[in-house]
Protein backbone atom coordinates (compact mmCIF):
# COMPACT_ATOMS: atom_id res chain seq x y z
CA UNK A 1 -20.21 8.45 -13.81
CA UNK A 2 -17.52 11.12 -14.30
CA UNK A 3 -13.87 10.22 -13.65
CA UNK A 4 -10.46 11.79 -13.40
CA UNK A 5 -7.36 9.61 -13.29
CA UNK A 6 -3.78 10.36 -12.23
CA UNK A 7 -0.71 8.65 -13.65
CA UNK A 8 1.50 9.30 -10.60
CA UNK A 9 0.55 6.46 -8.29
CA UNK A 10 3.13 3.76 -8.87
CA UNK A 11 4.11 1.85 -5.76
CA UNK A 12 1.80 3.73 -3.45
CA UNK A 13 -1.04 2.11 -1.48
CA UNK A 14 -4.45 3.36 -2.57
CA UNK A 15 -7.10 4.69 -0.20
CA UNK A 16 -10.70 5.38 -1.20
CA UNK A 17 -12.23 8.50 0.34
CA UNK A 18 -16.01 8.82 -0.08
CA UNK A 19 -17.35 12.39 0.13
CA UNK A 20 -20.92 13.53 -0.01
CA UNK A 21 -21.08 15.58 -3.20
CA UNK A 22 -24.43 17.00 -2.15
CA UNK A 23 -23.16 18.94 0.85
CA UNK A 24 -19.81 20.20 -0.49
CA UNK A 25 -17.99 20.12 2.84
CA UNK A 26 -14.20 20.22 2.79
CA UNK A 27 -12.15 17.42 4.41
CA UNK A 28 -10.33 18.05 7.70
CA UNK A 29 -6.82 19.40 7.07
CA UNK A 30 -5.18 16.88 9.39
CA UNK A 31 -6.86 14.00 7.59
CA UNK A 32 -5.69 15.32 4.24
CA UNK A 33 -2.16 15.74 5.57
CA UNK A 34 -1.80 12.13 6.77
CA UNK A 35 -3.30 10.57 3.64
CA UNK A 36 -1.66 12.81 1.01
CA UNK A 37 1.50 10.63 0.71
CA UNK A 38 -0.72 7.77 -0.49
CA UNK A 39 -2.54 7.31 -3.80
CA UNK A 40 -6.00 8.80 -3.13
CA UNK A 41 -9.29 8.05 -4.93
CA UNK A 42 -11.95 10.61 -4.05
CA UNK A 43 -15.44 9.21 -4.60
CA UNK A 44 -17.98 12.02 -4.84
CA UNK A 45 -21.28 10.28 -4.30
CA UNK A 46 -24.58 12.16 -4.72
CA UNK A 47 -27.42 10.47 -2.83
CA UNK A 48 -30.49 9.83 -5.00
CA UNK A 49 -33.92 9.23 -3.36
CA UNK A 50 -35.23 5.75 -3.97
CA UNK A 51 -38.03 6.86 -6.29
CA UNK A 52 -35.97 9.28 -8.37
CA UNK A 53 -33.94 8.27 -11.47
CA UNK A 54 -30.20 9.08 -11.06
CA UNK A 55 -30.14 10.56 -14.55
CA UNK A 56 -32.63 13.19 -13.57
CA UNK A 57 -30.60 14.38 -10.58
CA UNK A 58 -27.43 14.30 -12.61
CA UNK A 59 -28.96 16.56 -15.20
CA UNK A 60 -29.81 19.10 -12.48
CA UNK A 61 -26.86 18.73 -10.14
CA UNK A 62 -23.92 17.35 -12.08
CA UNK A 63 -22.01 20.62 -12.13
CA UNK A 64 -22.41 21.17 -8.40
CA UNK A 65 -21.53 17.54 -7.54
CA UNK A 66 -18.41 17.67 -9.72
CA UNK A 67 -17.36 20.97 -8.16
CA UNK A 68 -17.78 19.56 -4.65
CA UNK A 69 -15.70 16.51 -5.54
CA UNK A 70 -13.00 18.60 -7.18
CA UNK A 71 -12.71 20.71 -4.01
CA UNK A 72 -11.71 17.56 -2.14
CA UNK A 73 -9.38 16.56 -4.97
CA UNK A 74 -7.69 19.97 -4.82
CA UNK A 75 -6.99 19.54 -1.11
CA UNK A 76 -4.84 16.53 -1.94
CA UNK A 77 -3.43 17.83 -5.21
CA UNK A 78 -2.22 20.99 -3.45
CA UNK A 79 -0.09 18.75 -1.26
CA UNK A 80 1.38 16.90 -4.21
CA UNK A 81 -0.76 13.79 -3.84
CA UNK A 82 -1.51 11.35 -6.62
CA UNK A 83 -5.26 11.65 -6.73
CA UNK A 84 -8.05 10.22 -8.89
CA UNK A 85 -11.72 11.14 -8.65
CA UNK A 86 -15.07 9.73 -9.64
CA UNK A 87 -18.55 11.25 -9.32
CA UNK A 88 -21.52 8.91 -8.98
CA UNK A 89 -25.24 9.60 -8.56
CA UNK A 90 -26.48 6.62 -6.57
CA UNK A 91 -29.41 5.11 -4.73
CA UNK A 92 -27.07 3.00 -2.64
CA UNK A 93 -23.98 4.60 -1.13
CA UNK A 94 -22.64 1.33 0.26
CA UNK A 95 -22.99 -0.53 -3.02
CA UNK A 96 -21.26 2.31 -4.85
CA UNK A 97 -18.33 2.29 -2.42
CA UNK A 98 -18.03 -1.49 -2.85
CA UNK A 99 -18.04 -1.19 -6.66
CA UNK A 100 -15.49 1.65 -6.80
CA UNK A 101 -13.20 -0.07 -4.29
CA UNK A 102 -13.07 -3.15 -6.52
CA UNK A 103 -12.75 -1.14 -9.76
CA UNK A 104 -9.77 0.84 -8.45
CA UNK A 105 -8.23 -2.06 -6.49
CA UNK A 106 -7.93 0.07 -3.37
CA UNK A 107 -6.02 -1.07 -0.33
CA UNK A 108 -8.20 0.70 2.23
CA UNK A 109 -11.47 2.58 2.54
CA UNK A 110 -12.01 5.56 4.80
CA UNK A 111 -15.21 5.59 6.82
CA UNK A 112 -16.46 8.82 8.42
CA UNK A 113 -15.91 10.08 11.94
CA UNK A 114 -15.12 13.12 14.01
CA UNK A 115 -11.64 14.46 13.28
CA UNK A 116 -9.24 16.27 15.59
CA UNK A 117 -6.68 18.87 14.54
CA UNK A 118 -3.98 16.21 14.36
CA UNK A 119 -3.72 12.52 13.57
CA UNK A 120 -0.86 11.71 15.90
CA UNK A 121 -2.05 8.43 17.39
CA UNK A 122 -3.38 5.42 15.49
CA UNK A 123 -5.18 2.46 17.11
CA UNK A 124 -4.83 -0.78 15.15
CA UNK A 125 -7.17 -3.53 16.44
CA UNK A 126 -5.98 -6.95 15.29
CA UNK A 127 -8.43 -9.80 15.85
CA UNK A 128 -6.54 -12.72 14.35
CA UNK A 129 -4.18 -13.97 11.70
CA UNK A 130 -6.42 -13.02 8.74
CA UNK A 131 -5.26 -10.07 6.69
CA UNK A 132 -2.54 -9.23 9.24
CA UNK A 133 0.23 -8.79 6.65
CA UNK A 134 -1.82 -6.28 4.65
CA UNK A 135 -2.75 -4.39 7.83
CA UNK A 136 0.92 -4.21 8.93
CA UNK A 137 2.02 -3.10 5.44
CA UNK A 138 -0.61 -0.37 5.32
CA UNK A 139 0.25 0.87 8.82
CA UNK A 140 3.92 0.97 7.81
CA UNK A 141 3.02 3.21 4.84
CA UNK A 142 1.04 5.56 7.10
CA UNK A 143 3.80 5.76 9.70
CA UNK A 144 6.55 6.04 7.12
CA UNK A 145 4.96 9.13 5.64
CA UNK A 146 4.04 10.87 8.90
CA UNK A 147 5.15 11.45 12.51
CA UNK A 148 2.25 9.44 13.89
CA UNK A 149 2.56 6.59 16.39
CA UNK A 150 0.56 3.36 16.51
CA UNK A 151 -0.76 1.00 19.17
CA UNK A 152 -1.40 -2.55 17.96
CA UNK A 153 -4.37 -3.81 19.96
CA UNK A 154 -5.98 -7.18 20.68
CA UNK A 155 -8.96 -8.11 22.88
CA UNK A 156 -8.83 -11.60 24.44
CA UNK A 157 -11.53 -13.54 26.27
CA UNK A 158 -9.21 -15.94 28.12
CA UNK A 159 -5.59 -16.40 29.19
CA UNK A 160 -4.77 -18.69 26.28
CA UNK A 161 -6.25 -16.19 23.86
CA UNK A 162 -4.23 -13.41 25.53
CA UNK A 163 -1.04 -15.38 24.86
CA UNK A 164 -1.98 -15.79 21.24
CA UNK A 165 -2.88 -12.12 21.03
CA UNK A 166 0.49 -11.13 22.44
CA UNK A 167 2.21 -13.43 19.95
CA UNK A 168 0.34 -11.77 17.05
CA UNK A 169 1.11 -8.24 18.23
CA UNK A 170 4.75 -8.85 18.98
CA UNK A 171 5.16 -10.41 15.57
CA UNK A 172 3.46 -7.44 13.91
CA UNK A 173 5.75 -5.04 15.84
CA UNK A 174 8.78 -7.00 14.69
CA UNK A 175 7.55 -6.84 11.09
CA UNK A 176 7.12 -3.08 11.26
CA UNK A 177 10.67 -2.78 12.59
CA UNK A 178 11.93 -4.95 9.70
CA UNK A 179 10.20 -2.59 7.25
CA UNK A 180 12.03 0.35 8.82
CA UNK A 181 9.59 1.81 11.33
CA UNK A 182 11.28 3.05 14.52
CA UNK A 183 10.19 0.66 17.33
CA UNK A 184 9.74 3.64 19.64
CA UNK A 185 6.78 4.73 17.50
CA UNK A 186 4.89 1.46 17.93
CA UNK A 187 3.57 -0.26 21.04
CA UNK A 188 1.11 -3.08 21.68
CA UNK A 189 -1.65 -3.87 24.16
CA UNK A 190 -3.70 -6.98 24.92
CA UNK A 191 -6.97 -6.29 26.72
CA UNK A 192 -9.15 -8.73 28.65
CA UNK A 193 -12.29 -6.72 29.42
CA UNK A 194 -15.82 -7.13 28.14
CA UNK A 195 -16.74 -7.57 24.51
CA UNK A 196 -14.20 -6.72 21.77
CA UNK A 197 -16.44 -3.96 20.43
CA UNK A 198 -16.87 -2.30 23.85
CA UNK A 199 -13.15 -2.52 24.59
CA UNK A 200 -12.13 -1.04 21.25
CA UNK A 201 -14.65 1.80 21.55
CA UNK A 202 -13.41 2.69 25.01
CA UNK A 203 -9.76 2.48 24.04
CA UNK A 204 -10.33 4.46 20.82
CA UNK A 205 -11.26 7.55 22.89
CA UNK A 206 -7.52 8.13 23.38
CA UNK A 207 -6.70 7.90 19.66
CA UNK A 208 -7.21 9.95 16.52
CA UNK A 209 -7.92 7.19 13.98
CA UNK A 210 -8.55 3.46 13.81
CA UNK A 211 -7.01 1.11 11.25
CA UNK A 212 -8.89 -2.20 11.05
CA UNK A 213 -8.86 -5.21 8.77
CA UNK A 214 -11.64 -6.57 6.61
CA UNK A 215 -13.45 -9.49 8.22
CA UNK A 216 -16.47 -10.04 5.94
CA UNK A 217 -16.51 -11.33 2.34
CA UNK A 218 -18.35 -8.20 1.22
CA UNK A 219 -16.83 -4.77 1.61
CA UNK A 220 -20.39 -3.43 1.89
CA UNK A 221 -21.28 -5.73 4.80
CA UNK A 222 -18.02 -5.00 6.56
CA UNK A 223 -18.11 -1.23 6.39
CA UNK A 224 -21.80 -0.68 7.14
CA UNK A 225 -22.74 -3.64 9.30
CA UNK A 226 -21.58 -5.84 12.15
CA UNK A 227 -18.31 -5.07 13.98
CA UNK A 228 -16.81 -2.32 11.84
CA UNK A 229 -20.13 -0.55 11.37
CA UNK A 230 -20.58 -0.54 15.12
CA UNK A 231 -17.10 0.84 15.62
CA UNK A 232 -17.74 3.70 13.18
CA UNK A 233 -21.03 4.57 14.89
CA UNK A 234 -19.78 4.28 18.45
CA UNK A 235 -16.13 5.28 18.36
CA UNK A 236 -16.88 8.45 16.44
CA UNK A 237 -13.38 8.37 14.95
CA UNK A 238 -12.32 8.04 11.31
CA UNK A 239 -11.68 4.40 10.45
CA UNK A 240 -9.46 3.07 7.68
CA UNK A 241 -10.62 -0.40 6.69
CA UNK A 242 -7.83 -2.42 5.06
CA UNK A 243 -9.23 -4.65 2.35
CA UNK A 244 -8.39 -8.35 2.16
CA UNK A 245 -7.91 -8.41 -1.61
């Protein structure tokens, strides 16, 4: 595992950005722009077939994997970002992301999705009280360093749940205003249609990125399974998953 560490990350939230070091694709410019004000950890993961030893692939592909990872690092460094990097040859991408997220104490993990030319509108589904303070704080950092707007969003099954959802969202909006975010850049919406997953996927079509909270004890389970995994697959938008750590 090769690493590069920056010393210029004090006070900034940290986001982990996994990139496939085997394909060498660059990150979308708009995505780099909105995340550059944060402390970035670029994880260059090189997928290893189940029957192959990682050491063997590293011996043959280490230089190329490192170069691919460093291209992503340079995209952030060129914008003045505090950026660390790590290159890992792995059988299990999910397990590696979980391990690196814990090692670096990251605040959020980026999951893949189709990117537009801008990230002007953020959708922030909030399901309950858990992790809400960390979600609000992270959204405040994103908004404070960009011109983006955010919609705080809750899906309710009944009228009493709708009232509670409204209470949560109004409180989150008030907290963002206390932090210093212009209230005109934040709105809220309570929805009462179908399943939460279906409603979020449909609503996400009008947004550039989702910011969601961790709801499973394992980062691996949360990102690649159940609700968040379904959102990534169906919404086709980048998702920032805020860790409950």
